[in-house]
Amino acid sequence: MECAVYDTYVTKNDGKIMHFDVVVEANTPHEKAIEYGKQYLTTVGQAGQKMTQEECQFCHIQEAPPMVEKDIVTNGYYIQKMEGCPQ
């Protein structure tokens, strides 16, 4: 499966930056990727933080590894945690 990767930087409630990628099936609209990112923020206690096309920018298309593809098929998206994300 080809997937689109959206590089995302969100300011957390404490003012620190949270960096993660929202990974979706390649033909998913950008707005849907932002919606998925907001869902993730809610699950980690960061609901309501600003997340627009400015914070969540298209990066590239790549082939999804099996684990990522499984999450995309099951949930519609995969979150690749980078910096400042809760474990």
C-alpha atoms as a PDB file:
ATOM      1  CA  MET A   1       0.000   0.000   0.000  1.00  0.00           C
ATOM      2  CA  GLU A   2       1.250   3.460  -0.868  1.00  0.00           C
ATOM      3  CA  CYS A   3       0.841   5.888   1.983  1.00  0.00           C
ATOM      4  CA  ALA A   4       1.087   9.652   2.423  1.00  0.00           C
ATOM      5  CA  VAL A   5       3.153  10.984   5.295  1.00  0.00           C
ATOM      6  CA  TYR A   6       2.199  14.276   6.969  1.00  0.00           C
ATOM      7  CA  ASP A   7       4.938  15.832   9.090  1.00  0.00           C
ATOM      8  CA  THR A   8       3.225  17.308  12.144  1.00  0.00           C
ATOM      9  CA  TYR A   9       4.365  19.722  14.864  1.00  0.00           C
ATOM     10  CA  VAL A  10       1.837  20.665  17.565  1.00  0.00           C
ATOM     11  CA  THR A  11       2.354  22.886  20.603  1.00  0.00           C
ATOM     12  CA  LYS A  12       1.282  20.945  23.695  1.00  0.00           C
ATOM     13  CA  ASN A  13      -0.630  22.307  26.693  1.00  0.00           C
ATOM     14  CA  ASP A  14       2.697  22.873  28.496  1.00  0.00           C
ATOM     15  CA  GLY A  15       4.087  24.918  25.579  1.00  0.00           C
ATOM     16  CA  LYS A  16       6.507  22.209  24.396  1.00  0.00           C
ATOM     17  CA  ILE A  17       6.465  20.881  20.847  1.00  0.00           C
ATOM     18  CA  MET A  18       5.162  17.446  19.953  1.00  0.00           C
ATOM     19  CA  HIS A  19       6.467  16.058  16.634  1.00  0.00           C
ATOM     20  CA  PHE A  20       4.807  13.108  14.920  1.00  0.00           C
ATOM     21  CA  ASP A  21       3.847  11.880  11.468  1.00  0.00           C
ATOM     22  CA  VAL A  22       0.270  11.152  10.467  1.00  0.00           C
ATOM     23  CA  VAL A  23       0.440   8.321   7.921  1.00  0.00           C
ATOM     24  CA  VAL A  24      -2.613   7.585   5.759  1.00  0.00           C
ATOM     25  CA  GLU A  25      -3.460   5.748   2.544  1.00  0.00           C
ATOM     26  CA  ALA A  26      -2.048   7.771  -0.366  1.00  0.00           C
ATOM     27  CA  ASN A  27      -5.353   9.089  -1.758  1.00  0.00           C
ATOM     28  CA  THR A  28      -6.721  10.234   1.630  1.00  0.00           C
ATOM     29  CA  PRO A  29      -7.596  13.960   1.603  1.00  0.00           C
ATOM     30  CA  HIS A  30      -5.332  16.275   3.631  1.00  0.00           C
ATOM     31  CA  GLU A  31      -8.319  17.350   5.752  1.00  0.00           C
ATOM     32  CA  LYS A  32      -8.870  13.733   6.810  1.00  0.00           C
ATOM     33  CA  ALA A  33      -5.195  13.413   7.844  1.00  0.00           C
ATOM     34  CA  ILE A  34      -5.660  16.496  10.035  1.00  0.00           C
ATOM     35  CA  GLU A  35      -8.807  14.961  11.539  1.00  0.00           C
ATOM     36  CA  TYR A  36      -6.866  11.778  12.351  1.00  0.00           C
ATOM     37  CA  GLY A  37      -4.116  13.867  13.942  1.00  0.00           C
ATOM     38  CA  LYS A  38      -6.711  15.574  16.124  1.00  0.00           C
ATOM     39  CA  GLN A  39      -8.047  12.154  17.159  1.00  0.00           C
ATOM     40  CA  TYR A  40      -4.529  11.165  18.204  1.00  0.00           C
ATOM     41  CA  LEU A  41      -4.123  14.396  20.186  1.00  0.00           C
ATOM     42  CA  THR A  42      -7.322  13.596  22.077  1.00  0.00           C
ATOM     43  CA  THR A  43      -6.008  10.141  23.021  1.00  0.00           C
ATOM     44  CA  VAL A  44      -2.841  11.658  24.530  1.00  0.00           C
ATOM     45  CA  GLY A  45      -4.534  14.410  26.539  1.00  0.00           C
ATOM     46  CA  GLN A  46      -3.865  17.221  24.059  1.00  0.00           C
ATOM     47  CA  ALA A  47      -7.412  17.769  22.722  1.00  0.00           C
ATOM     48  CA  GLY A  48      -8.089  21.290  21.489  1.00  0.00           C
ATOM     49  CA  GLN A  49      -4.518  22.083  20.500  1.00  0.00           C
ATOM     50  CA  LYS A  50      -4.155  23.945  17.195  1.00  0.00           C
ATOM     51  CA  MET A  51      -3.828  21.523  14.290  1.00  0.00           C
ATOM     52  CA  THR A  52      -4.269  22.904  10.784  1.00  0.00           C
ATOM     53  CA  GLN A  53      -2.488  22.545   7.440  1.00  0.00           C
ATOM     54  CA  GLU A  54       0.197  24.748   8.982  1.00  0.00           C
ATOM     55  CA  GLU A  55       0.966  22.205  11.743  1.00  0.00           C
ATOM     56  CA  CYS A  56       0.327  19.104   9.606  1.00  0.00           C
ATOM     57  CA  GLN A  57       2.108  19.367   6.250  1.00  0.00           C
ATOM     58  CA  PHE A  58       2.354  16.810   3.469  1.00  0.00           C
ATOM     59  CA  CYS A  59       5.863  15.377   3.355  1.00  0.00           C
ATOM     60  CA  HIS A  60       6.045  12.432   0.936  1.00  0.00           C
ATOM     61  CA  ILE A  61       4.559   9.199  -0.425  1.00  0.00           C
ATOM     62  CA  GLN A  62       6.114   5.847   0.465  1.00  0.00           C
ATOM     63  CA  GLU A  63       5.321   2.150   0.599  1.00  0.00           C
ATOM     64  CA  ALA A  64       3.766   1.284   3.974  1.00  0.00           C
ATOM     65  CA  PRO A  65       5.551  -1.353   6.051  1.00  0.00           C
ATOM     66  CA  PRO A  66       3.221  -4.222   7.133  1.00  0.00           C
ATOM     67  CA  MET A  67       2.686  -2.880  10.678  1.00  0.00           C
ATOM     68  CA  VAL A  68       1.771   0.583   9.361  1.00  0.00           C
ATOM     69  CA  GLU A  69      -0.505  -0.863   6.669  1.00  0.00           C
ATOM     70  CA  LYS A  70      -2.321  -2.953   9.298  1.00  0.00           C
ATOM     71  CA  ASP A  71      -3.097   0.153  11.399  1.00  0.00           C
ATOM     72  CA  ILE A  72      -4.204   2.122   8.328  1.00  0.00           C
ATOM     73  CA  VAL A  73      -6.576  -0.690   7.285  1.00  0.00           C
ATOM     74  CA  THR A  74      -7.910  -1.048  10.842  1.00  0.00           C
ATOM     75  CA  ASN A  75      -8.028   2.605  12.001  1.00  0.00           C
ATOM     76  CA  GLY A  76      -7.628   4.698   8.839  1.00  0.00           C
ATOM     77  CA  TYR A  77      -4.265   6.051   9.976  1.00  0.00           C
ATOM     78  CA  TYR A  78      -0.973   5.349  11.742  1.00  0.00           C
ATOM     79  CA  ILE A  79       0.925   7.727  14.025  1.00  0.00           C
ATOM     80  CA  GLN A  80       4.725   7.658  13.895  1.00  0.00           C
ATOM     81  CA  LYS A  81       5.759   9.213  17.206  1.00  0.00           C
ATOM     82  CA  MET A  82       8.882  11.351  17.108  1.00  0.00           C
ATOM     83  CA  GLU A  83       9.792  14.028  19.661  1.00  0.00           C
ATOM     84  CA  GLY A  84       7.762  15.060  22.698  1.00  0.00           C
ATOM     85  CA  CYS A  85       5.102  12.352  22.270  1.00  0.00           C
ATOM     86  CA  PRO A  86       3.881  10.397  25.287  1.00  0.00           C
ATOM     87  CA  GLN A  87       4.905   6.759  25.287  1.00  0.00           C
END
